[in-house]
N, C-alpha and C. Protein backbone atom coordinates (compact mmCIF):
# COMPACT_ATOMS: atom_id res chain seq x y z
N MET A 1 24.08 133.28 -66.48
CA MET A 1 23.38 133.68 -65.29
C MET A 1 22.68 135.00 -65.59
N ARG A 2 21.40 135.08 -65.33
CA ARG A 2 20.64 136.30 -65.56
C ARG A 2 20.54 137.09 -64.26
N ASP A 3 20.78 138.39 -64.33
CA ASP A 3 20.76 139.28 -63.17
C ASP A 3 19.39 139.94 -63.09
N LEU A 4 18.71 139.75 -61.98
CA LEU A 4 17.45 140.42 -61.73
C LEU A 4 17.70 141.53 -60.73
N ARG A 5 17.62 142.77 -61.15
CA ARG A 5 17.95 143.89 -60.29
C ARG A 5 16.68 144.37 -59.60
N VAL A 6 16.42 143.85 -58.43
CA VAL A 6 15.22 144.21 -57.69
C VAL A 6 15.61 144.42 -56.24
N GLU A 7 15.36 145.62 -55.73
CA GLU A 7 15.63 145.87 -54.31
C GLU A 7 14.32 145.72 -53.55
N ARG A 8 14.37 144.90 -52.52
CA ARG A 8 13.19 144.68 -51.69
C ARG A 8 13.63 144.44 -50.25
N ASN A 9 12.74 144.81 -49.35
CA ASN A 9 12.94 144.42 -47.97
C ASN A 9 12.71 142.92 -47.87
N VAL A 10 13.47 142.27 -47.02
CA VAL A 10 13.31 140.84 -46.81
C VAL A 10 13.38 140.55 -45.33
N THR A 11 12.94 139.37 -44.96
CA THR A 11 13.16 138.87 -43.61
C THR A 11 14.23 137.80 -43.72
N LEU A 12 15.28 137.94 -42.94
CA LEU A 12 16.41 137.03 -43.01
C LEU A 12 16.64 136.44 -41.63
N TRP A 13 16.68 135.11 -41.54
CA TRP A 13 16.99 134.43 -40.29
C TRP A 13 18.42 133.94 -40.34
N MET A 14 19.11 134.10 -39.23
CA MET A 14 20.50 133.69 -39.12
C MET A 14 20.60 132.51 -38.15
N VAL A 15 21.54 131.61 -38.41
CA VAL A 15 21.88 130.53 -37.51
C VAL A 15 23.40 130.56 -37.37
N ASP A 16 23.88 130.68 -36.14
CA ASP A 16 25.31 130.79 -35.88
C ASP A 16 25.93 131.92 -36.71
N ASP A 17 25.23 133.05 -36.79
CA ASP A 17 25.68 134.27 -37.49
C ASP A 17 25.79 134.10 -39.01
N LEU A 18 25.15 133.08 -39.57
CA LEU A 18 25.13 132.87 -41.02
C LEU A 18 23.68 132.86 -41.51
N PRO A 19 23.42 133.41 -42.70
CA PRO A 19 22.06 133.35 -43.24
C PRO A 19 21.59 131.89 -43.36
N ASP A 20 20.34 131.64 -42.97
CA ASP A 20 19.79 130.29 -43.01
C ASP A 20 18.49 130.22 -43.81
N ARG A 21 17.60 131.21 -43.60
CA ARG A 21 16.32 131.25 -44.30
C ARG A 21 16.00 132.70 -44.65
N ILE A 22 15.17 132.87 -45.69
CA ILE A 22 14.80 134.20 -46.14
C ILE A 22 13.38 134.16 -46.67
N VAL A 23 12.63 135.22 -46.44
CA VAL A 23 11.34 135.42 -47.10
C VAL A 23 11.55 136.57 -48.07
N TYR A 24 11.32 136.28 -49.36
CA TYR A 24 11.58 137.24 -50.42
C TYR A 24 10.47 137.13 -51.46
N ALA A 25 9.89 138.24 -51.84
CA ALA A 25 8.83 138.28 -52.86
C ALA A 25 7.67 137.34 -52.50
N GLY A 26 7.36 137.28 -51.21
CA GLY A 26 6.23 136.47 -50.76
C GLY A 26 6.49 134.98 -50.72
N ARG A 27 7.75 134.56 -50.91
CA ARG A 27 8.09 133.13 -50.90
C ARG A 27 9.15 132.86 -49.84
N ARG A 28 9.10 131.64 -49.30
CA ARG A 28 10.09 131.19 -48.32
C ARG A 28 11.22 130.47 -49.03
N TRP A 29 12.45 130.80 -48.65
CA TRP A 29 13.64 130.22 -49.25
C TRP A 29 14.55 129.71 -48.15
N ARG A 30 15.22 128.59 -48.40
CA ARG A 30 16.20 128.03 -47.47
C ARG A 30 17.57 128.12 -48.11
N VAL A 31 18.55 128.64 -47.37
CA VAL A 31 19.92 128.76 -47.89
C VAL A 31 20.47 127.36 -48.13
N THR A 32 20.98 127.13 -49.35
CA THR A 32 21.40 125.78 -49.75
C THR A 32 22.86 125.72 -50.16
N ASP A 33 23.65 126.70 -49.74
CA ASP A 33 25.10 126.63 -49.93
C ASP A 33 25.75 127.39 -48.77
N MET A 34 27.07 127.50 -48.79
CA MET A 34 27.78 128.23 -47.74
C MET A 34 27.77 129.72 -48.09
N PRO A 35 27.11 130.56 -47.28
CA PRO A 35 27.08 132.00 -47.55
C PRO A 35 28.49 132.60 -47.58
N THR A 36 28.66 133.59 -48.44
CA THR A 36 29.94 134.29 -48.58
C THR A 36 29.75 135.73 -48.11
N ARG A 37 30.66 136.17 -47.24
CA ARG A 37 30.62 137.57 -46.80
C ARG A 37 31.07 138.45 -47.97
N ILE A 38 30.36 139.55 -48.17
CA ILE A 38 30.75 140.51 -49.19
C ILE A 38 31.43 141.67 -48.47
N ARG A 39 32.68 141.92 -48.83
CA ARG A 39 33.47 143.00 -48.23
C ARG A 39 34.04 143.88 -49.32
N ASP A 40 34.45 145.09 -48.94
CA ASP A 40 35.06 146.03 -49.89
C ASP A 40 34.25 146.11 -51.16
N SER A 41 32.97 146.27 -50.99
CA SER A 41 32.03 146.19 -52.08
C SER A 41 31.85 147.52 -52.79
N VAL A 42 31.39 147.46 -54.01
CA VAL A 42 31.00 148.65 -54.74
C VAL A 42 29.75 149.28 -54.13
N TRP A 43 29.12 148.59 -53.18
CA TRP A 43 27.95 149.16 -52.52
C TRP A 43 28.35 150.30 -51.61
N SER A 44 29.65 150.41 -51.30
CA SER A 44 30.13 151.46 -50.41
C SER A 44 29.93 152.82 -51.08
N ILE A 45 29.33 153.73 -50.38
CA ILE A 45 29.09 155.06 -50.93
C ILE A 45 30.33 155.94 -50.79
N ASP A 46 30.97 155.90 -49.64
CA ASP A 46 32.12 156.75 -49.37
C ASP A 46 33.39 155.91 -49.46
N ALA A 47 34.15 156.12 -50.52
CA ALA A 47 35.36 155.32 -50.74
C ALA A 47 36.41 155.56 -49.66
N SER A 48 36.38 156.69 -48.98
CA SER A 48 37.37 156.97 -47.95
C SER A 48 36.97 156.37 -46.60
N ALA A 49 35.75 155.90 -46.49
CA ALA A 49 35.28 155.31 -45.23
C ALA A 49 35.98 153.98 -44.97
N ARG A 50 36.04 153.63 -43.69
CA ARG A 50 36.65 152.35 -43.33
C ARG A 50 35.87 151.22 -43.97
N ARG A 51 36.57 150.34 -44.60
CA ARG A 51 35.91 149.23 -45.29
C ARG A 51 35.67 148.07 -44.33
N GLY A 52 34.65 147.33 -44.62
CA GLY A 52 34.33 146.20 -43.77
C GLY A 52 33.23 145.36 -44.39
N PHE A 53 32.33 144.90 -43.56
CA PHE A 53 31.26 144.02 -43.99
C PHE A 53 30.17 144.81 -44.71
N TYR A 54 29.74 144.30 -45.87
CA TYR A 54 28.67 144.94 -46.62
C TYR A 54 27.47 144.05 -46.84
N GLY A 55 27.59 142.76 -46.68
CA GLY A 55 26.45 141.90 -46.89
C GLY A 55 26.84 140.45 -47.10
N TRP A 56 25.90 139.71 -47.65
CA TRP A 56 26.07 138.27 -47.89
C TRP A 56 25.68 137.93 -49.32
N ARG A 57 26.32 136.90 -49.87
CA ARG A 57 25.90 136.27 -51.12
C ARG A 57 25.68 134.80 -50.81
N PHE A 58 24.52 134.27 -51.25
CA PHE A 58 24.23 132.86 -51.01
C PHE A 58 23.19 132.38 -52.00
N GLN A 59 23.16 131.06 -52.17
CA GLN A 59 22.10 130.42 -52.96
C GLN A 59 21.01 130.00 -51.99
N ALA A 60 19.77 130.18 -52.41
CA ALA A 60 18.63 129.71 -51.63
C ALA A 60 17.63 129.06 -52.57
N THR A 61 16.90 128.09 -52.03
CA THR A 61 15.94 127.31 -52.82
C THR A 61 14.58 127.37 -52.15
N ASP A 62 13.53 127.57 -52.95
CA ASP A 62 12.18 127.62 -52.39
C ASP A 62 11.56 126.22 -52.35
N ASP A 63 10.33 126.11 -51.87
CA ASP A 63 9.66 124.82 -51.71
C ASP A 63 9.39 124.13 -53.05
N ALA A 64 9.32 124.90 -54.15
CA ALA A 64 9.08 124.32 -55.47
C ALA A 64 10.37 123.85 -56.14
N GLY A 65 11.51 124.11 -55.50
CA GLY A 65 12.79 123.67 -56.05
C GLY A 65 13.51 124.72 -56.89
N GLU A 66 12.96 125.93 -57.01
CA GLU A 66 13.63 127.00 -57.75
C GLU A 66 14.74 127.58 -56.87
N SER A 67 15.91 127.79 -57.47
CA SER A 67 17.05 128.35 -56.73
C SER A 67 17.44 129.70 -57.32
N LEU A 68 17.81 130.62 -56.45
CA LEU A 68 18.34 131.92 -56.83
C LEU A 68 19.61 132.18 -56.04
N ILE A 69 20.47 133.02 -56.59
CA ILE A 69 21.60 133.56 -55.84
C ILE A 69 21.16 134.93 -55.35
N PHE A 70 21.36 135.20 -54.07
CA PHE A 70 20.96 136.47 -53.47
C PHE A 70 22.19 137.24 -53.02
N ASP A 71 22.20 138.55 -53.26
CA ASP A 71 23.11 139.48 -52.61
C ASP A 71 22.26 140.32 -51.68
N VAL A 72 22.50 140.24 -50.38
CA VAL A 72 21.71 140.99 -49.41
C VAL A 72 22.63 141.89 -48.59
N TYR A 73 22.07 142.98 -48.10
CA TYR A 73 22.84 143.90 -47.27
C TYR A 73 21.96 144.45 -46.15
N PRO A 74 22.57 144.76 -45.00
CA PRO A 74 21.80 145.33 -43.91
C PRO A 74 21.65 146.84 -44.08
N ALA A 75 20.53 147.36 -43.67
CA ALA A 75 20.27 148.80 -43.67
C ALA A 75 19.61 149.15 -42.34
N GLU A 76 19.39 150.42 -42.12
CA GLU A 76 18.79 150.85 -40.86
C GLU A 76 17.42 150.23 -40.63
N ASP A 77 16.68 149.98 -41.71
CA ASP A 77 15.33 149.45 -41.56
C ASP A 77 15.23 147.94 -41.81
N GLY A 78 16.36 147.23 -41.79
CA GLY A 78 16.35 145.78 -41.95
C GLY A 78 17.19 145.35 -43.14
N TRP A 79 17.04 144.10 -43.52
CA TRP A 79 17.79 143.54 -44.64
C TRP A 79 17.13 143.88 -45.96
N HIS A 80 17.96 144.03 -47.01
CA HIS A 80 17.47 144.31 -48.36
C HIS A 80 18.18 143.38 -49.34
N VAL A 81 17.48 143.03 -50.40
CA VAL A 81 18.09 142.28 -51.51
C VAL A 81 18.64 143.30 -52.49
N HIS A 82 19.93 143.23 -52.76
CA HIS A 82 20.56 144.13 -53.72
C HIS A 82 20.46 143.55 -55.13
N HIS A 83 20.70 142.25 -55.29
CA HIS A 83 20.59 141.56 -56.56
C HIS A 83 20.12 140.14 -56.32
N THR A 84 19.46 139.59 -57.31
CA THR A 84 19.24 138.15 -57.37
C THR A 84 19.72 137.69 -58.74
N TYR A 85 20.21 136.47 -58.80
CA TYR A 85 20.70 135.91 -60.05
C TYR A 85 20.04 134.55 -60.26
N ILE A 86 19.66 134.29 -61.51
CA ILE A 86 19.05 133.01 -61.85
C ILE A 86 20.12 132.10 -62.40
């Protein structure tokens, strides 16, 4: 699995509080597996802070059939992609 380290703002649509669709790098993607909540993550800046929800990991597939694994996290200005994996 190749790790593509690219942080970008994304648009993320949720259905029943789970990621369903995403627009990333100018392409539309549909979530094609069961999203996993990321908790107690290394994304936490303050180790003494109360731990909780940090984001989602899921596979999504675009209209051309290409699939990526996404790690996304919420920020004050919207959702961001922390990592993608091929």
